[in-house]
């Protein structure tokens, strides 16, 4: 009888051992994709999706300032963590030795989203369930995608409709304060994909079995790309008597300013005979309330920088597919005067950088988005 009990116990332990192995095998890490998708993997490595809690200093410091115990940001920034609930509750902390943590917004995560549920505080990505004992199925937009020895492949319409909306739509904190709002519920992901994932030469796989010849870029082009950031806004300048009018046209399907740590601002100068005779601010761009685009937050009536516990928010913005007209009182212009209007971005706005001790980081440097020069007739 004792031998039978020991035998059954051994079988149970073996079963638990192999089921735990199987659970681990379900996750395909980023590097494993490189075997068949070299080009895409290379592109992904240069994207912000590949930046984790450990190598994105701005995100890490804001997350720690928001809550030193809980890592609630894991929902979108570490979504494949094998202990996601524990990270959010504070029972565990990010672990640099855990691949499901260091892979950040991983290939496997994005390609196993089955459905996106619209919710009040933030949208919820519903992950596909994998049948026990079978290789995982990865989703995408390719027609009749090829399987591999690592995974099956399925074309899923969610990738043209809502897939980006799971993380990039909106976020409200526990006080129902809007931290960011990028997209409306009536929008779909195809506009995001067309802009941020343009088609490039070369198939999606190293062995282009179907000779597709094109693939969607996985650089996820954005504000970090010098050429890309020129494309979203048009700037028009007109003058009349003692008034300077600047019209900003947002050609994007999302607002000019989305991220709460970021600022975008206008630098306007009027030059006469190579001397500046007027400018829209003296020292700090935030002096020009009209031309400084950023979120601001309050907690019980007091200004705060980190929005996690704020009770109110406001934002100066140029909304999607819209124009904003700014007027300035200026000196009378003479023929030949030059009006320089430049739109800049600061990845970590000055007051935010100060709170999280990032003043010496290059994230606080201003990067040019677009510039126009108007010459008075």
Protein backbone atom coordinates (compact mmCIF):
# COMPACT_ATOMS: atom_id res chain seq x y z
CA UNK A 1 0.00 0.00 0.00
CA UNK A 2 2.83 2.36 0.93
CA UNK A 3 4.53 1.69 -2.42
CA UNK A 4 1.31 2.47 -4.32
CA UNK A 5 0.95 5.79 -2.46
CA UNK A 6 4.57 6.68 -3.18
CA UNK A 7 4.12 5.72 -6.85
CA UNK A 8 1.00 7.90 -7.16
CA UNK A 9 2.78 10.76 -5.41
CA UNK A 10 5.68 10.42 -7.84
CA UNK A 11 3.26 10.53 -10.78
CA UNK A 12 1.62 13.64 -9.33
CA UNK A 13 4.96 15.39 -8.88
CA UNK A 14 6.02 14.46 -12.42
CA UNK A 15 2.69 15.76 -13.73
CA UNK A 16 3.13 19.05 -11.87
CA UNK A 17 6.73 19.30 -13.13
CA UNK A 18 5.82 18.79 -16.77
CA UNK A 19 2.77 21.05 -16.58
CA UNK A 20 4.99 23.81 -15.14
CA UNK A 21 7.44 23.28 -17.99
CA UNK A 22 4.57 23.44 -20.43
CA UNK A 23 3.33 26.72 -18.88
CA UNK A 24 6.80 28.23 -19.28
CA UNK A 25 7.07 27.00 -22.86
CA UNK A 26 3.92 28.89 -23.79
CA UNK A 27 5.81 32.17 -23.70
CA UNK A 28 8.00 32.90 -26.73
CA UNK A 29 10.57 35.53 -25.79
CA UNK A 30 11.54 38.36 -28.14
CA UNK A 31 14.83 36.84 -29.19
CA UNK A 32 13.18 33.60 -30.30
CA UNK A 33 11.37 35.60 -33.02
CA UNK A 34 14.71 36.60 -34.52
CA UNK A 35 15.21 33.12 -36.00
CA UNK A 36 12.56 33.67 -38.69
CA UNK A 37 11.89 37.41 -38.51
CA UNK A 38 15.36 38.98 -38.55
CA UNK A 39 14.39 42.28 -40.17
CA UNK A 40 11.35 42.78 -37.98
CA UNK A 41 13.31 41.89 -34.85
CA UNK A 42 16.00 44.43 -35.78
CA UNK A 43 13.35 47.12 -36.29
CA UNK A 44 11.61 46.26 -33.04
CA UNK A 45 14.85 46.53 -31.07
CA UNK A 46 15.07 50.22 -32.06
CA UNK A 47 11.49 50.94 -30.96
CA UNK A 48 10.14 52.22 -27.66
CA UNK A 49 8.10 49.02 -27.35
CA UNK A 50 11.36 47.20 -26.66
CA UNK A 51 12.24 49.53 -23.75
CA UNK A 52 11.44 47.98 -20.40
CA UNK A 53 11.20 49.28 -16.85
CA UNK A 54 14.93 48.59 -16.57
CA UNK A 55 16.24 50.57 -19.56
CA UNK A 56 13.65 53.35 -19.86
CA UNK A 57 14.84 55.73 -17.15
CA UNK A 58 12.00 58.22 -17.53
CA UNK A 59 9.31 55.57 -17.21
CA UNK A 60 11.04 53.83 -14.29
CA UNK A 61 11.45 57.02 -12.28
CA UNK A 62 7.87 58.14 -12.85
CA UNK A 63 6.56 54.68 -11.95
CA UNK A 64 8.61 54.66 -8.75
CA UNK A 65 7.49 58.20 -7.86
CA UNK A 66 3.87 57.23 -8.43
CA UNK A 67 4.15 54.25 -6.07
CA UNK A 68 7.37 52.82 -4.66
CA UNK A 69 5.69 49.51 -3.79
CA UNK A 70 3.18 48.75 -6.53
CA UNK A 71 4.00 48.64 -10.24
CA UNK A 72 0.55 49.38 -11.63
CA UNK A 73 2.08 50.47 -14.95
CA UNK A 74 2.83 46.78 -15.65
CA UNK A 75 -0.57 46.39 -17.33
CA UNK A 76 0.78 48.16 -20.41
CA UNK A 77 4.54 48.38 -19.84
CA UNK A 78 5.19 44.80 -18.67
CA UNK A 79 2.07 43.03 -19.95
CA UNK A 80 3.53 39.51 -20.33
CA UNK A 81 4.84 39.35 -16.76
CA UNK A 82 4.16 35.89 -15.38
CA UNK A 83 3.23 37.51 -12.05
CA UNK A 84 1.31 40.51 -13.37
CA UNK A 85 -1.26 40.59 -10.56
CA UNK A 86 1.49 40.45 -7.94
CA UNK A 87 3.30 43.40 -9.55
CA UNK A 88 0.12 45.47 -9.59
CA UNK A 89 -0.77 44.60 -5.98
CA UNK A 90 2.77 45.21 -4.70
CA UNK A 91 3.45 41.62 -3.68
CA UNK A 92 6.32 41.53 -6.20
CA UNK A 93 8.66 44.01 -7.83
CA UNK A 94 10.15 44.05 -11.35
CA UNK A 95 12.86 41.42 -11.67
CA UNK A 96 15.74 41.94 -14.09
CA UNK A 97 16.36 38.19 -14.29
CA UNK A 98 12.81 37.46 -15.44
CA UNK A 99 12.48 37.38 -19.23
CA UNK A 100 8.75 38.11 -19.08
CA UNK A 101 9.72 41.37 -17.32
CA UNK A 102 12.68 42.48 -19.43
CA UNK A 103 10.91 41.81 -22.76
CA UNK A 104 8.77 44.93 -22.15
CA UNK A 105 5.92 45.23 -24.69
CA UNK A 106 6.93 41.97 -26.27
CA UNK A 107 6.32 40.49 -29.70
CA UNK A 108 4.39 37.67 -28.06
CA UNK A 109 2.12 40.07 -26.19
CA UNK A 110 1.12 42.14 -29.21
CA UNK A 111 0.55 39.08 -31.38
CA UNK A 112 -1.68 37.20 -28.93
CA UNK A 113 -4.32 39.89 -28.38
CA UNK A 114 -7.66 38.34 -29.27
CA UNK A 115 -9.97 41.17 -28.31
CA UNK A 116 -9.87 44.68 -26.83
CA UNK A 117 -12.58 45.60 -24.34
CA UNK A 118 -13.47 49.27 -23.95
CA UNK A 119 -13.50 50.23 -20.27
CA UNK A 120 -13.82 53.42 -18.24
CA UNK A 121 -10.35 53.77 -16.69
CA UNK A 122 -8.39 52.08 -19.46
CA UNK A 123 -9.11 49.57 -22.17
CA UNK A 124 -8.45 45.90 -21.46
CA UNK A 125 -6.49 43.60 -23.75
CA UNK A 126 -8.02 40.12 -23.74
CA UNK A 127 -5.37 37.52 -24.43
CA UNK A 128 -6.00 34.43 -26.52
CA UNK A 129 -6.14 31.19 -24.53
CA UNK A 130 -3.80 28.48 -25.72
CA UNK A 131 -4.87 24.86 -25.78
CA UNK A 132 -2.82 22.79 -23.36
CA UNK A 133 -0.16 20.77 -25.10
CA UNK A 134 -0.35 22.69 -28.39
CA UNK A 135 2.00 25.32 -29.75
CA UNK A 136 0.71 28.90 -29.37
CA UNK A 137 -1.19 30.73 -32.08
CA UNK A 138 -0.01 34.20 -33.05
CA UNK A 139 -2.31 36.76 -34.63
CA UNK A 140 -1.74 39.49 -37.20
CA UNK A 141 -3.06 41.09 -40.39
CA UNK A 142 -1.41 38.93 -43.06
CA UNK A 143 -3.74 37.05 -45.37
CA UNK A 144 -3.14 33.29 -45.11
CA UNK A 145 -0.09 33.59 -42.82
CA UNK A 146 2.44 30.77 -42.61
CA UNK A 147 2.83 28.56 -39.56
CA UNK A 148 6.20 27.62 -38.13
CA UNK A 149 7.58 25.00 -35.81
CA UNK A 150 7.19 27.52 -32.95
CA UNK A 151 3.66 28.77 -33.51
CA UNK A 152 0.51 28.64 -35.59
CA UNK A 153 -0.62 31.82 -37.37
CA UNK A 154 -4.06 33.36 -37.82
CA UNK A 155 -5.30 36.58 -39.42
CA UNK A 156 -7.43 38.43 -36.87
CA UNK A 157 -9.56 41.51 -37.78
CA UNK A 158 -8.85 43.07 -34.38
CA UNK A 159 -5.43 44.07 -35.77
CA UNK A 160 -7.04 46.53 -38.15
CA UNK A 161 -9.67 47.67 -35.69
CA UNK A 162 -8.79 47.94 -32.01
CA UNK A 163 -5.41 46.38 -31.26
CA UNK A 164 -3.62 49.71 -30.54
CA UNK A 165 -6.57 50.90 -28.45
CA UNK A 166 -5.76 48.50 -25.63
CA UNK A 167 -2.89 50.65 -24.35
CA UNK A 168 -2.93 53.85 -26.42
CA UNK A 169 -6.51 55.04 -26.03
CA UNK A 170 -6.91 56.63 -22.58
CA UNK A 171 -5.94 56.28 -18.93
CA UNK A 172 -7.76 57.52 -15.83
CA UNK A 173 -6.32 57.18 -12.34
CA UNK A 174 -8.22 55.93 -9.28
CA UNK A 175 -9.67 59.44 -8.77
CA UNK A 176 -11.16 59.36 -12.30
CA UNK A 177 -8.66 61.99 -13.40
CA UNK A 178 -7.59 61.77 -17.02
CA UNK A 179 -3.86 61.12 -17.25
CA UNK A 180 -3.92 60.94 -21.02
CA UNK A 181 -6.43 60.57 -23.82
CA UNK A 182 -5.07 59.77 -27.27
CA UNK A 183 -7.92 58.24 -29.27
CA UNK A 184 -11.68 58.31 -29.42
CA UNK A 185 -13.82 55.19 -29.11
CA UNK A 186 -14.94 55.58 -32.72
CA UNK A 187 -11.38 55.36 -34.05
CA UNK A 188 -9.71 52.20 -35.29
CA UNK A 189 -6.13 50.96 -35.30
CA UNK A 190 -5.65 51.11 -39.04
CA UNK A 191 -4.89 54.84 -38.86
CA UNK A 192 -2.21 54.11 -36.24
CA UNK A 193 -0.75 51.30 -38.32
CA UNK A 194 -0.67 53.27 -41.58
CA UNK A 195 1.23 56.10 -39.93
CA UNK A 196 3.45 54.43 -37.33
CA UNK A 197 4.01 51.12 -39.15
CA UNK A 198 4.47 52.05 -42.83
CA UNK A 199 5.11 49.28 -45.32
CA UNK A 200 8.75 48.57 -46.14
CA UNK A 201 10.48 46.39 -48.70
CA UNK A 202 11.10 42.78 -47.72
CA UNK A 203 8.84 40.02 -46.50
CA UNK A 204 7.81 39.47 -42.90
CA UNK A 205 9.91 36.30 -42.72
CA UNK A 206 13.50 35.49 -43.54
CA UNK A 207 12.18 32.85 -45.97
CA UNK A 208 9.50 34.80 -47.86
CA UNK A 209 7.51 31.69 -48.80
CA UNK A 210 4.64 33.55 -50.41
CA UNK A 211 6.82 36.24 -52.03
CA UNK A 212 4.85 38.99 -50.32
CA UNK A 213 7.76 41.37 -50.76
CA UNK A 214 6.52 43.90 -48.16
CA UNK A 215 6.10 44.08 -44.41
CA UNK A 216 4.83 46.56 -41.83
CA UNK A 217 7.70 48.38 -40.12
CA UNK A 218 8.13 47.42 -36.47
CA UNK A 219 10.17 50.50 -35.58
CA UNK A 220 6.88 52.03 -34.40
CA UNK A 221 7.98 55.42 -35.67
CA UNK A 222 7.27 58.28 -33.32
CA UNK A 223 8.57 61.44 -31.74
CA UNK A 224 12.05 59.95 -31.32
CA UNK A 225 12.51 59.85 -35.10
CA UNK A 226 13.81 63.17 -36.49
CA UNK A 227 12.16 62.90 -39.91
CA UNK A 228 8.91 61.40 -38.68
CA UNK A 229 8.20 64.14 -36.15
CA UNK A 230 8.19 66.74 -38.95
CA UNK A 231 5.15 65.18 -40.58
CA UNK A 232 2.31 65.66 -38.09
CA UNK A 233 1.83 69.42 -37.98
CA UNK A 234 1.57 72.33 -40.41
CA UNK A 235 2.46 75.87 -39.34
CA UNK A 236 1.06 78.93 -41.13
CA UNK A 237 2.12 82.53 -40.35
CA UNK A 238 0.27 85.74 -41.23
CA UNK A 239 0.72 89.35 -40.10
CA UNK A 240 -1.57 92.35 -39.94
CA UNK A 241 -0.61 95.72 -38.42
CA UNK A 242 0.51 94.95 -34.84
CA UNK A 243 -0.71 91.34 -34.81
CA UNK A 244 1.06 88.07 -35.55
CA UNK A 245 -1.23 85.10 -36.23
CA UNK A 246 0.00 81.52 -36.17
CA UNK A 247 -2.27 78.70 -37.31
CA UNK A 248 -1.33 75.19 -36.23
CA UNK A 249 -2.93 72.38 -38.20
CA UNK A 250 -2.81 68.93 -36.62
CA UNK A 251 -2.85 66.33 -39.42
CA UNK A 252 -2.63 63.43 -36.96
CA UNK A 253 -5.48 61.24 -35.74
CA UNK A 254 -4.46 61.92 -32.14
CA UNK A 255 -3.86 65.14 -30.18
CA UNK A 256 -0.56 67.01 -30.40
CA UNK A 257 0.21 66.27 -26.76
CA UNK A 258 -0.63 62.86 -25.32
CA UNK A 259 1.98 61.81 -22.74
CA UNK A 260 1.71 63.64 -19.38
CA UNK A 261 5.51 63.86 -18.89
CA UNK A 262 6.03 65.51 -22.27
CA UNK A 263 5.78 69.12 -23.46
CA UNK A 264 5.62 70.62 -26.94
CA UNK A 265 6.03 74.35 -27.41
CA UNK A 266 6.45 77.17 -29.87
CA UNK A 267 9.58 79.27 -30.04
CA UNK A 268 8.79 82.48 -31.92
CA UNK A 269 11.31 85.17 -32.79
CA UNK A 270 11.11 88.27 -34.98
CA UNK A 271 14.47 89.25 -36.46
CA UNK A 272 15.37 92.60 -37.97
CA UNK A 273 18.81 93.04 -39.47
CA UNK A 274 19.96 89.87 -37.65
CA UNK A 275 18.77 91.20 -34.27
CA UNK A 276 15.88 89.76 -32.27
CA UNK A 277 13.29 92.49 -31.74
CA UNK A 278 10.57 90.28 -30.19
CA UNK A 279 10.10 86.74 -28.88
CA UNK A 280 7.25 84.88 -27.22
CA UNK A 281 9.11 84.05 -23.99
CA UNK A 282 12.21 85.27 -22.16
CA UNK A 283 13.67 82.22 -20.40
CA UNK A 284 11.24 79.32 -20.20
CA UNK A 285 8.78 78.31 -22.96
CA UNK A 286 6.04 77.75 -20.38
CA UNK A 287 5.87 81.55 -20.00
CA UNK A 288 3.80 81.57 -23.21
CA UNK A 289 0.60 79.91 -22.00
CA UNK A 290 -0.86 79.80 -25.52
CA UNK A 291 2.14 78.20 -27.21
CA UNK A 292 3.06 75.71 -24.49
CA UNK A 293 1.27 72.38 -24.90
CA UNK A 294 1.28 70.09 -21.87
CA UNK A 295 -0.86 68.47 -19.21
CA UNK A 296 -1.18 70.03 -15.77
CA UNK A 297 -2.47 68.28 -12.66
CA UNK A 298 -3.83 69.21 -9.25
CA UNK A 299 -4.34 67.19 -6.09
CA UNK A 300 -6.94 68.68 -3.77
CA UNK A 301 -6.40 72.10 -5.33
CA UNK A 302 -2.59 72.06 -5.22
CA UNK A 303 -0.35 71.72 -8.27
CA UNK A 304 1.31 68.30 -8.62
CA UNK A 305 3.58 66.88 -11.29
CA UNK A 306 3.15 63.09 -11.00
CA UNK A 307 -0.48 62.42 -11.99
CA UNK A 308 -1.05 59.05 -10.30
CA UNK A 309 -2.97 60.54 -7.35
CA UNK A 310 -4.16 63.81 -8.88
CA UNK A 311 -7.79 64.86 -8.48
CA UNK A 312 -8.01 67.19 -11.50
CA UNK A 313 -6.28 67.63 -14.84
CA UNK A 314 -6.25 70.04 -17.76
CA UNK A 315 -4.34 70.20 -21.01
CA UNK A 316 -3.49 72.81 -23.63
CA UNK A 317 -3.69 70.88 -26.88
CA UNK A 318 -4.29 70.84 -30.60
CA UNK A 319 -6.75 68.04 -31.10
CA UNK A 320 -6.81 65.44 -33.86
CA UNK A 321 -7.48 66.70 -37.38
CA UNK A 322 -8.10 70.24 -36.14
CA UNK A 323 -6.56 73.72 -36.21
CA UNK A 324 -5.60 76.12 -33.44
CA UNK A 325 -5.15 79.84 -34.09
CA UNK A 326 -2.80 81.81 -31.83
CA UNK A 327 -2.56 85.62 -31.94
CA UNK A 328 0.27 87.75 -30.55
CA UNK A 329 0.66 91.51 -30.19
CA UNK A 330 3.99 92.40 -31.81
CA UNK A 331 5.91 95.52 -32.89
CA UNK A 332 5.04 97.00 -36.30
CA UNK A 333 6.81 94.87 -38.89
CA UNK A 334 8.97 96.31 -41.61
CA UNK A 335 9.79 94.91 -45.02
CA UNK A 336 12.43 92.21 -44.72
CA UNK A 337 11.68 91.34 -41.09
CA UNK A 338 11.88 87.59 -40.50
CA UNK A 339 9.42 85.70 -38.31
CA UNK A 340 10.89 82.37 -37.15
CA UNK A 341 8.33 79.92 -35.76
CA UNK A 342 9.58 76.58 -34.47
CA UNK A 343 7.73 73.74 -32.77
CA UNK A 344 9.82 71.79 -30.25
CA UNK A 345 9.30 68.73 -28.09
CA UNK A 346 10.71 68.05 -24.65
CA UNK A 347 10.46 64.34 -23.79
CA UNK A 348 10.65 65.14 -20.09
CA UNK A 349 9.30 68.59 -19.35
CA UNK A 350 11.36 70.66 -16.95
CA UNK A 351 9.10 70.50 -13.87
CA UNK A 352 8.67 66.74 -14.28
CA UNK A 353 12.42 66.20 -14.68
CA UNK A 354 13.07 68.18 -11.51
CA UNK A 355 10.68 66.09 -9.42
CA UNK A 356 12.25 62.79 -10.52
CA UNK A 357 15.87 64.05 -10.57
CA UNK A 358 16.36 63.95 -14.33
CA UNK A 359 17.65 67.51 -14.84
CA UNK A 360 20.98 66.28 -16.21
CA UNK A 361 19.39 63.85 -18.66
CA UNK A 362 19.24 64.53 -22.40
CA UNK A 363 15.50 63.80 -22.11
CA UNK A 364 15.05 67.40 -20.99
CA UNK A 365 16.71 68.77 -24.13
CA UNK A 366 14.41 70.38 -26.69
CA UNK A 367 14.22 68.66 -30.08
CA UNK A 368 12.98 70.45 -33.17
CA UNK A 369 9.80 69.12 -34.73
CA UNK A 370 9.18 71.71 -37.42
CA UNK A 371 10.22 75.26 -38.34
CA UNK A 372 8.94 77.87 -40.77
CA UNK A 373 10.36 81.30 -41.65
CA UNK A 374 8.05 84.09 -42.78
CA UNK A 375 9.54 87.20 -44.43
CA UNK A 376 7.51 90.41 -44.27
CA UNK A 377 6.82 91.97 -47.69
